[in-house]
PDB file of all heavy atoms in Angstrom:
ATOM      1  N   SER A   1      75.171 -11.153  38.371  1.00  0.00           N
ATOM      2  CA  SER A   1      75.004  -9.818  38.941  1.00  0.00           C
ATOM      3  C   SER A   1      73.786  -9.710  39.855  1.00  0.00           C
ATOM      4  O   SER A   1      73.883  -9.235  40.969  1.00  0.00           O
ATOM      5  CB  SER A   1      74.951  -8.767  37.842  1.00  0.00           C
ATOM      6  OG  SER A   1      73.864  -9.037  36.979  1.00  0.00           O
ATOM      7  N   ASP A   2      72.628 -10.142  39.414  1.00  0.00           N
ATOM      8  CA  ASP A   2      71.437 -10.082  40.273  1.00  0.00           C
ATOM      9  C   ASP A   2      70.528 -11.293  40.088  1.00  0.00           C
ATOM     10  O   ASP A   2      69.347 -11.245  40.389  1.00  0.00           O
ATOM     11  CB  ASP A   2      70.664  -8.792  40.054  1.00  0.00           C
ATOM     12  CG  ASP A   2      70.053  -8.688  38.667  1.00  0.00           C
ATOM     13  OD1 ASP A   2      70.444  -9.471  37.788  1.00  0.00           O
ATOM     14  OD2 ASP A   2      69.192  -7.833  38.463  1.00  0.00           O
ATOM     15  N   ASN A   3      71.095 -12.392  39.610  1.00  0.00           N
ATOM     16  CA  ASN A   3      70.342 -13.631  39.419  1.00  0.00           C
ATOM     17  C   ASN A   3      71.047 -14.785  40.124  1.00  0.00           C
ATOM     18  O   ASN A   3      72.268 -14.869  40.116  1.00  0.00           O
ATOM     19  CB  ASN A   3      70.194 -13.977  37.941  1.00  0.00           C
ATOM     20  CG  ASN A   3      69.399 -12.947  37.190  1.00  0.00           C
ATOM     21  OD1 ASN A   3      68.381 -12.456  37.659  1.00  0.00           O
ATOM     22  ND2 ASN A   3      69.871 -12.594  36.008  1.00  0.00           N
ATOM     23  N   LEU A   4      70.248 -15.666  40.706  1.00  0.00           N
ATOM     24  CA  LEU A   4      70.770 -16.868  41.336  1.00  0.00           C
ATOM     25  C   LEU A   4      70.176 -18.059  40.616  1.00  0.00           C
ATOM     26  O   LEU A   4      68.954 -18.218  40.574  1.00  0.00           O
ATOM     27  CB  LEU A   4      70.399 -16.897  42.827  1.00  0.00           C
ATOM     28  CG  LEU A   4      70.806 -18.142  43.609  1.00  0.00           C
ATOM     29  CD1 LEU A   4      72.317 -18.357  43.566  1.00  0.00           C
ATOM     30  CD2 LEU A   4      70.319 -18.031  45.039  1.00  0.00           C
ATOM     31  N   ASP A   5      71.029 -18.867  40.006  1.00  0.00           N
ATOM     32  CA  ASP A   5      70.604 -20.076  39.301  1.00  0.00           C
ATOM     33  C   ASP A   5      70.967 -21.286  40.148  1.00  0.00           C
ATOM     34  O   ASP A   5      72.129 -21.468  40.505  1.00  0.00           O
ATOM     35  CB  ASP A   5      71.274 -20.173  37.934  1.00  0.00           C
ATOM     36  CG  ASP A   5      70.913 -19.018  37.023  1.00  0.00           C
ATOM     37  OD1 ASP A   5      69.756 -18.569  37.081  1.00  0.00           O
ATOM     38  OD2 ASP A   5      71.786 -18.567  36.255  1.00  0.00           O
ATOM     39  N   LEU A   6      69.962 -22.094  40.466  1.00  0.00           N
ATOM     40  CA  LEU A   6      70.158 -23.295  41.267  1.00  0.00           C
ATOM     41  C   LEU A   6      69.877 -24.522  40.431  1.00  0.00           C
ATOM     42  O   LEU A   6      68.967 -24.514  39.599  1.00  0.00           O
ATOM     43  CB  LEU A   6      69.202 -23.305  42.461  1.00  0.00           C
ATOM     44  CG  LEU A   6      69.298 -22.165  43.453  1.00  0.00           C
ATOM     45  CD1 LEU A   6      68.135 -22.233  44.428  1.00  0.00           C
ATOM     46  CD2 LEU A   6      70.617 -22.218  44.189  1.00  0.00           C
ATOM     47  N   THR A   7      70.640 -25.573  40.653  1.00  0.00           N
ATOM     48  CA  THR A   7      70.336 -26.891  40.110  1.00  0.00           C
ATOM     49  C   THR A   7      70.186 -27.820  41.299  1.00  0.00           C
ATOM     50  O   THR A   7      71.120 -27.989  42.085  1.00  0.00           O
ATOM     51  CB  THR A   7      71.454 -27.392  39.179  1.00  0.00           C
ATOM     52  OG1 THR A   7      71.629 -26.458  38.112  1.00  0.00           O
ATOM     53  CG2 THR A   7      71.097 -28.748  38.596  1.00  0.00           C
ATOM     54  N   VAL A   8      68.996 -28.380  41.444  1.00  0.00           N
ATOM     55  CA  VAL A   8      68.688 -29.251  42.577  1.00  0.00           C
ATOM     56  C   VAL A   8      68.401 -30.645  42.043  1.00  0.00           C
ATOM     57  O   VAL A   8      67.523 -30.818  41.205  1.00  0.00           O
ATOM     58  CB  VAL A   8      67.460 -28.724  43.363  1.00  0.00           C
ATOM     59  CG1 VAL A   8      67.177 -29.627  44.552  1.00  0.00           C
ATOM     60  CG2 VAL A   8      67.671 -27.287  43.800  1.00  0.00           C
ATOM     61  N   ASN A   9      69.151 -31.622  42.524  1.00  0.00           N
ATOM     62  CA  ASN A   9      68.924 -33.016  42.144  1.00  0.00           C
ATOM     63  C   ASN A   9      68.007 -33.625  43.193  1.00  0.00           C
ATOM     64  O   ASN A   9      68.401 -33.826  44.339  1.00  0.00           O
ATOM     65  CB  ASN A   9      70.244 -33.768  42.067  1.00  0.00           C
ATOM     66  CG  ASN A   9      70.062 -35.168  41.528  1.00  0.00           C
ATOM     67  OD1 ASN A   9      68.954 -35.610  41.272  1.00  0.00           O
ATOM     68  ND2 ASN A   9      71.157 -35.868  41.349  1.00  0.00           N
ATOM     69  N   SER A  10      66.775 -33.916  42.802  1.00  0.00           N
ATOM     70  CA  SER A  10      65.772 -34.431  43.719  1.00  0.00           C
ATOM     71  C   SER A  10      65.555 -35.930  43.486  1.00  0.00           C
ATOM     72  O   SER A  10      65.552 -36.387  42.354  1.00  0.00           O
ATOM     73  CB  SER A  10      64.457 -33.682  43.524  1.00  0.00           C
ATOM     74  OG  SER A  10      63.472 -34.169  44.401  1.00  0.00           O
ATOM     75  N   PHE A  11      65.346 -36.657  44.570  1.00  0.00           N
ATOM     76  CA  PHE A  11      65.104 -38.091  44.481  1.00  0.00           C
ATOM     77  C   PHE A  11      63.661 -38.416  44.132  1.00  0.00           C
ATOM     78  O   PHE A  11      63.349 -39.547  43.777  1.00  0.00           O
ATOM     79  CB  PHE A  11      65.488 -38.768  45.796  1.00  0.00           C
ATOM     80  CG  PHE A  11      66.951 -38.653  46.096  1.00  0.00           C
ATOM     81  CD1 PHE A  11      67.391 -37.797  47.086  1.00  0.00           C
ATOM     82  CD2 PHE A  11      67.892 -39.367  45.373  1.00  0.00           C
ATOM     83  CE1 PHE A  11      68.743 -37.666  47.360  1.00  0.00           C
ATOM     84  CE2 PHE A  11      69.239 -39.252  45.636  1.00  0.00           C
ATOM     85  CZ  PHE A  11      69.667 -38.395  46.633  1.00  0.00           C
ATOM     86  N   GLU A  12      62.773 -37.430  44.262  1.00  0.00           N
ATOM     87  CA  GLU A  12      61.355 -37.655  43.972  1.00  0.00           C
ATOM     88  C   GLU A  12      60.666 -36.317  43.723  1.00  0.00           C
ATOM     89  O   GLU A  12      61.252 -35.267  43.925  1.00  0.00           O
ATOM     90  CB  GLU A  12      60.678 -38.392  45.128  1.00  0.00           C
ATOM     91  CG  GLU A  12      60.790 -37.680  46.458  1.00  0.00           C
ATOM     92  CD  GLU A  12      60.367 -38.567  47.600  1.00  0.00           C
ATOM     93  OE1 GLU A  12      59.155 -38.610  47.853  1.00  0.00           O
ATOM     94  OE2 GLU A  12      61.226 -39.199  48.215  1.00  0.00           O
ATOM     95  N   ASN A  13      59.427 -36.366  43.284  1.00  0.00           N
ATOM     96  CA  ASN A  13      58.639 -35.159  43.100  1.00  0.00           C
ATOM     97  C   ASN A  13      58.245 -34.619  44.468  1.00  0.00           C
ATOM     98  O   ASN A  13      57.799 -35.380  45.326  1.00  0.00           O
ATOM     99  CB  ASN A  13      57.369 -35.450  42.299  1.00  0.00           C
ATOM    100  CG  ASN A  13      57.669 -35.951  40.910  1.00  0.00           C
ATOM    101  OD1 ASN A  13      58.772 -35.823  40.399  1.00  0.00           O
ATOM    102  ND2 ASN A  13      56.679 -36.552  40.283  1.00  0.00           N
ATOM    103  N   GLU A  14      58.428 -33.320  44.669  1.00  0.00           N
ATOM    104  CA  GLU A  14      57.981 -32.715  45.924  1.00  0.00           C
ATOM    105  C   GLU A  14      57.947 -31.197  45.809  1.00  0.00           C
ATOM    106  O   GLU A  14      58.673 -30.605  45.023  1.00  0.00           O
ATOM    107  CB  GLU A  14      58.826 -33.151  47.113  1.00  0.00           C
ATOM    108  CG  GLU A  14      60.246 -32.647  47.135  1.00  0.00           C
ATOM    109  CD  GLU A  14      60.994 -33.106  48.388  1.00  0.00           C
ATOM    110  OE1 GLU A  14      60.426 -33.093  49.489  1.00  0.00           O
ATOM    111  OE2 GLU A  14      62.168 -33.465  48.247  1.00  0.00           O
ATOM    112  N   ASP A  15      57.071 -30.600  46.611  1.00  0.00           N
ATOM    113  CA  ASP A  15      57.017 -29.152  46.736  1.00  0.00           C
ATOM    114  C   ASP A  15      58.095 -28.721  47.717  1.00  0.00           C
ATOM    115  O   ASP A  15      58.292 -29.358  48.757  1.00  0.00           O
ATOM    116  CB  ASP A  15      55.651 -28.701  47.258  1.00  0.00           C
ATOM    117  CG  ASP A  15      54.540 -28.972  46.262  1.00  0.00           C
ATOM    118  OD1 ASP A  15      54.785 -28.817  45.052  1.00  0.00           O
ATOM    119  OD2 ASP A  15      53.435 -29.337  46.682  1.00  0.00           O
ATOM    120  N   VAL A  16      58.789 -27.619  47.387  1.00  0.00           N
ATOM    121  CA  VAL A  16      59.832 -27.105  48.271  1.00  0.00           C
ATOM    122  C   VAL A  16      59.673 -25.603  48.430  1.00  0.00           C
ATOM    123  O   VAL A  16      59.046 -24.933  47.608  1.00  0.00           O
ATOM    124  CB  VAL A  16      61.253 -27.421  47.740  1.00  0.00           C
ATOM    125  CG1 VAL A  16      61.510 -28.914  47.685  1.00  0.00           C
ATOM    126  CG2 VAL A  16      61.505 -26.778  46.395  1.00  0.00           C
ATOM    127  N   ILE A  17      60.261 -25.101  49.493  1.00  0.00           N
ATOM    128  CA  ILE A  17      60.385 -23.662  49.701  1.00  0.00           C
ATOM    129  C   ILE A  17      61.874 -23.364  49.786  1.00  0.00           C
ATOM    130  O   ILE A  17      62.608 -24.029  50.520  1.00  0.00           O
ATOM    131  CB  ILE A  17      59.678 -23.203  50.983  1.00  0.00           C
ATOM    132  CG1 ILE A  17      58.210 -23.598  50.951  1.00  0.00           C
ATOM    133  CG2 ILE A  17      59.816 -21.685  51.142  1.00  0.00           C
ATOM    134  CD1 ILE A  17      57.471 -23.317  52.245  1.00  0.00           C
ATOM    135  N   ILE A  18      62.313 -22.385  49.001  1.00  0.00           N
ATOM    136  CA  ILE A  18      63.715 -21.977  49.002  1.00  0.00           C
ATOM    137  C   ILE A  18      63.835 -20.739  49.884  1.00  0.00           C
ATOM    138  O   ILE A  18      63.114 -19.757  49.689  1.00  0.00           O
ATOM    139  CB  ILE A  18      64.203 -21.674  47.580  1.00  0.00           C
ATOM    140  CG1 ILE A  18      64.101 -22.943  46.735  1.00  0.00           C
ATOM    141  CG2 ILE A  18      65.632 -21.134  47.606  1.00  0.00           C
ATOM    142  CD1 ILE A  18      64.395 -22.726  45.273  1.00  0.00           C
ATOM    143  N   TYR A  19      64.743 -20.821  50.848  1.00  0.00           N
ATOM    144  CA  TYR A  19      65.009 -19.698  51.744  1.00  0.00           C
ATOM    145  C   TYR A  19      66.453 -19.268  51.551  1.00  0.00           C
ATOM    146  O   TYR A  19      67.356 -20.105  51.491  1.00  0.00           O
ATOM    147  CB  TYR A  19      64.840 -20.110  53.204  1.00  0.00           C
ATOM    148  CG  TYR A  19      63.464 -20.581  53.577  1.00  0.00           C
ATOM    149  CD1 TYR A  19      63.179 -21.942  53.658  1.00  0.00           C
ATOM    150  CD2 TYR A  19      62.457 -19.674  53.879  1.00  0.00           C
ATOM    151  CE1 TYR A  19      61.922 -22.388  54.023  1.00  0.00           C
ATOM    152  CE2 TYR A  19      61.196 -20.106  54.242  1.00  0.00           C
ATOM    153  CZ  TYR A  19      60.932 -21.461  54.318  1.00  0.00           C
ATOM    154  OH  TYR A  19      59.681 -21.899  54.679  1.00  0.00           O
ATOM    155  N   LEU A  20      66.678 -17.964  51.481  1.00  0.00           N
ATOM    156  CA  LEU A  20      68.025 -17.400  51.443  1.00  0.00           C
ATOM    157  C   LEU A  20      68.166 -16.499  52.665  1.00  0.00           C
ATOM    158  O   LEU A  20      67.375 -15.568  52.846  1.00  0.00           O
ATOM    159  CB  LEU A  20      68.250 -16.603  50.160  1.00  0.00           C
ATOM    160  CG  LEU A  20      69.607 -15.915  50.030  1.00  0.00           C
ATOM    161  CD1 LEU A  20      70.730 -16.949  49.928  1.00  0.00           C
ATOM    162  CD2 LEU A  20      69.639 -14.994  48.817  1.00  0.00           C
ATOM    163  N   TYR A  21      69.152 -16.820  53.525  1.00  0.00           N
ATOM    164  CA  TYR A  21      69.382 -16.079  54.756  1.00  0.00           C
ATOM    165  C   TYR A  21      70.770 -15.452  54.731  1.00  0.00           C
ATOM    166  O   TYR A  21      71.703 -16.023  54.162  1.00  0.00           O
ATOM    167  CB  TYR A  21      69.356 -17.015  55.973  1.00  0.00           C
ATOM    168  CG  TYR A  21      68.034 -17.645  56.258  1.00  0.00           C
ATOM    169  CD1 TYR A  21      67.752 -18.937  55.818  1.00  0.00           C
ATOM    170  CD2 TYR A  21      67.072 -16.980  56.998  1.00  0.00           C
ATOM    171  CE1 TYR A  21      66.539 -19.537  56.097  1.00  0.00           C
ATOM    172  CE2 TYR A  21      65.849 -17.578  57.280  1.00  0.00           C
ATOM    173  CZ  TYR A  21      65.598 -18.855  56.827  1.00  0.00           C
ATOM    174  OH  TYR A  21      64.397 -19.447  57.102  1.00  0.00           O
ATOM    175  N   ASP A  22      70.915 -14.300  55.407  1.00  0.00           N
ATOM    176  CA  ASP A  22      72.258 -13.778  55.638  1.00  0.00           C
ATOM    177  C   ASP A  22      72.794 -14.432  56.910  1.00  0.00           C
ATOM    178  O   ASP A  22      72.093 -15.205  57.573  1.00  0.00           O
ATOM    179  CB  ASP A  22      72.273 -12.246  55.693  1.00  0.00           C
ATOM    180  CG  ASP A  22      71.507 -11.658  56.856  1.00  0.00           C
ATOM    181  OD1 ASP A  22      71.155 -12.396  57.808  1.00  0.00           O
ATOM    182  OD2 ASP A  22      71.258 -10.440  56.829  1.00  0.00           O
ATOM    183  N   LEU A  23      74.044 -14.141  57.266  1.00  0.00           N
ATOM    184  CA  LEU A  23      74.644 -14.808  58.422  1.00  0.00           C
ATOM    185  C   LEU A  23      74.056 -14.353  59.750  1.00  0.00           C
ATOM    186  O   LEU A  23      74.266 -14.996  60.775  1.00  0.00           O
ATOM    187  CB  LEU A  23      76.159 -14.610  58.428  1.00  0.00           C
ATOM    188  CG  LEU A  23      76.925 -15.508  57.465  1.00  0.00           C
ATOM    189  CD1 LEU A  23      78.425 -15.331  57.633  1.00  0.00           C
ATOM    190  CD2 LEU A  23      76.560 -16.968  57.627  1.00  0.00           C
ATOM    191  N   GLN A  24      73.315 -13.252  59.751  1.00  0.00           N
ATOM    192  CA  GLN A  24      72.630 -12.805  60.964  1.00  0.00           C
ATOM    193  C   GLN A  24      71.269 -13.486  61.118  1.00  0.00           C
ATOM    194  O   GLN A  24      70.537 -13.223  62.055  1.00  0.00           O
ATOM    195  CB  GLN A  24      72.448 -11.276  60.966  1.00  0.00           C
ATOM    196  CG  GLN A  24      73.725 -10.498  61.197  1.00  0.00           C
ATOM    197  CD  GLN A  24      74.655 -10.509  59.994  1.00  0.00           C
ATOM    198  OE1 GLN A  24      74.205 -10.472  58.851  1.00  0.00           O
ATOM    199  NE2 GLN A  24      75.948 -10.571  60.250  1.00  0.00           N
ATOM    200  N   GLY A  25      70.921 -14.349  60.158  1.00  0.00           N
ATOM    201  CA  GLY A  25      69.665 -15.075  60.234  1.00  0.00           C
ATOM    202  C   GLY A  25      68.481 -14.340  59.640  1.00  0.00           C
ATOM    203  O   GLY A  25      67.348 -14.795  59.753  1.00  0.00           O
ATOM    204  N   ARG A  26      68.725 -13.210  58.981  1.00  0.00           N
ATOM    205  CA  ARG A  26      67.632 -12.459  58.353  1.00  0.00           C
ATOM    206  C   ARG A  26      67.246 -13.113  57.036  1.00  0.00           C
ATOM    207  O   ARG A  26      68.112 -13.442  56.218  1.00  0.00           O
ATOM    208  CB  ARG A  26      68.048 -11.008  58.116  1.00  0.00           C
ATOM    209  CG  ARG A  26      68.220 -10.221  59.403  1.00  0.00           C
ATOM    210  CD  ARG A  26      68.602  -8.803  59.096  1.00  0.00           C
ATOM    211  NE  ARG A  26      69.920  -8.786  58.475  1.00  0.00           N
ATOM    212  CZ  ARG A  26      70.932  -8.026  58.874  1.00  0.00           C
ATOM    213  NH1 ARG A  26      70.780  -7.189  59.870  1.00  0.00           N
ATOM    214  NH2 ARG A  26      72.098  -8.086  58.271  1.00  0.00           N
ATOM    215  N   LEU A  27      65.952 -13.269  56.833  1.00  0.00           N
ATOM    216  CA  LEU A  27      65.437 -13.863  55.601  1.00  0.00           C
ATOM    217  C   LEU A  27      65.528 -12.851  54.470  1.00  0.00           C
ATOM    218  O   LEU A  27      65.005 -11.744  54.571  1.00  0.00           O
ATOM    219  CB  LEU A  27      63.981 -14.307  55.805  1.00  0.00           C
ATOM    220  CG  LEU A  27      63.301 -14.953  54.609  1.00  0.00           C
ATOM    221  CD1 LEU A  27      63.992 -16.250  54.221  1.00  0.00           C
ATOM    222  CD2 LEU A  27      61.834 -15.193  54.915  1.00  0.00           C
ATOM    223  N   ILE A  28      66.195 -13.229  53.377  1.00  0.00           N
ATOM    224  CA  ILE A  28      66.358 -12.359  52.214  1.00  0.00           C
ATOM    225  C   ILE A  28      65.332 -12.720  51.141  1.00  0.00           C
ATOM    226  O   ILE A  28      64.714 -11.855  50.550  1.00  0.00           O
ATOM    227  CB  ILE A  28      67.792 -12.485  51.628  1.00  0.00           C
ATOM    228  CG1 ILE A  28      68.850 -12.268  52.711  1.00  0.00           C
ATOM    229  CG2 ILE A  28      67.984 -11.548  50.459  1.00  0.00           C
ATOM    230  CD1 ILE A  28      68.851 -10.907  53.354  1.00  0.00           C
ATOM    231  N   ILE A  29      65.171 -14.027  50.895  1.00  0.00           N
ATOM    232  CA  ILE A  29      64.262 -14.508  49.844  1.00  0.00           C
ATOM    233  C   ILE A  29      63.510 -15.728  50.372  1.00  0.00           C
ATOM    234  O   ILE A  29      64.088 -16.570  51.065  1.00  0.00           O
ATOM    235  CB  ILE A  29      65.032 -14.914  48.578  1.00  0.00           C
ATOM    236  CG1 ILE A  29      65.673 -13.709  47.914  1.00  0.00           C
ATOM    237  CG2 ILE A  29      64.125 -15.620  47.579  1.00  0.00           C
ATOM    238  CD1 ILE A  29      66.579 -14.081  46.768  1.00  0.00           C
ATOM    239  N   GLU A  30      62.243 -15.824  50.000  1.00  0.00           N
ATOM    240  CA  GLU A  30      61.444 -17.030  50.217  1.00  0.00           C
ATOM    241  C   GLU A  30      60.694 -17.288  48.919  1.00  0.00           C
ATOM    242  O   GLU A  30      60.021 -16.399  48.409  1.00  0.00           O
ATOM    243  CB  GLU A  30      60.464 -16.832  51.358  1.00  0.00           C
ATOM    244  CG  GLU A  30      59.594 -18.036  51.623  1.00  0.00           C
ATOM    245  CD  GLU A  30      58.664 -17.815  52.798  1.00  0.00           C
ATOM    246  OE1 GLU A  30      58.999 -17.063  53.724  1.00  0.00           O
ATOM    247  OE2 GLU A  30      57.576 -18.424  52.771  1.00  0.00           O
ATOM    248  N   SER A  31      60.836 -18.490  48.370  1.00  0.00           N
ATOM    249  CA  SER A  31      60.253 -18.787  47.060  1.00  0.00           C
ATOM    250  C   SER A  31      59.787 -20.241  47.006  1.00  0.00           C
ATOM    251  O   SER A  31      60.532 -21.148  47.388  1.00  0.00           O
ATOM    252  CB  SER A  31      61.305 -18.528  45.980  1.00  0.00           C
ATOM    253  OG  SER A  31      60.796 -18.727  44.704  1.00  0.00           O
ATOM    254  N   ASN A  32      58.555 -20.473  46.549  1.00  0.00           N
ATOM    255  CA  ASN A  32      57.973 -21.818  46.431  1.00  0.00           C
ATOM    256  C   ASN A  32      58.237 -22.396  45.046  1.00  0.00           C
ATOM    257  O   ASN A  32      58.127 -21.677  44.045  1.00  0.00           O
ATOM    258  CB  ASN A  32      56.468 -21.772  46.655  1.00  0.00           C
ATOM    259  CG  ASN A  32      56.116 -21.330  48.042  1.00  0.00           C
ATOM    260  OD1 ASN A  32      56.598 -21.895  49.017  1.00  0.00           O
ATOM    261  ND2 ASN A  32      55.283 -20.316  48.152  1.00  0.00           N
ATOM    262  N   HIS A  33      58.555 -23.708  45.013  1.00  0.00           N
ATOM    263  CA  HIS A  33      58.816 -24.385  43.739  1.00  0.00           C
ATOM    264  C   HIS A  33      58.382 -25.835  43.816  1.00  0.00           C
ATOM    265  O   HIS A  33      58.311 -26.423  44.884  1.00  0.00           O
ATOM    266  CB  HIS A  33      60.312 -24.324  43.390  1.00  0.00           C
ATOM    267  CG  HIS A  33      60.777 -22.944  43.134  1.00  0.00           C
ATOM    268  ND1 HIS A  33      60.689 -22.349  41.909  1.00  0.00           N
ATOM    269  CD2 HIS A  33      61.303 -22.017  43.963  1.00  0.00           C
ATOM    270  CE1 HIS A  33      61.158 -21.119  41.991  1.00  0.00           C
ATOM    271  NE2 HIS A  33      61.532 -20.899  43.230  1.00  0.00           N
ATOM    272  N   GLN A  34      58.127 -26.422  42.651  1.00  0.00           N
ATOM    273  CA  GLN A  34      57.806 -27.841  42.524  1.00  0.00           C
ATOM    274  C   GLN A  34      59.011 -28.535  41.902  1.00  0.00           C
ATOM    275  O   GLN A  34      59.434 -28.165  40.802  1.00  0.00           O
ATOM    276  CB  GLN A  34      56.571 -28.040  41.644  1.00  0.00           C
ATOM    277  CG  GLN A  34      56.291 -29.471  41.244  1.00  0.00           C
ATOM    278  CD  GLN A  34      55.931 -30.378  42.410  1.00  0.00           C
ATOM    279  OE1 GLN A  34      55.161 -29.999  43.260  1.00  0.00           O
ATOM    280  NE2 GLN A  34      56.498 -31.559  42.437  1.00  0.00           N
TER     281      GLN A  34
END
C-alpha cells in the first residue's frame, strides 16, 4: 500500500543512492544506503 521493498544483489560492498522517478522524469524519492 505505501511501502516499497527492494532486494538488491550486489557484487561488492558499496554506497548507493536509490532514486524513484515518474515517467515525466520527476524525482519522487532519493534515499542513501550501504
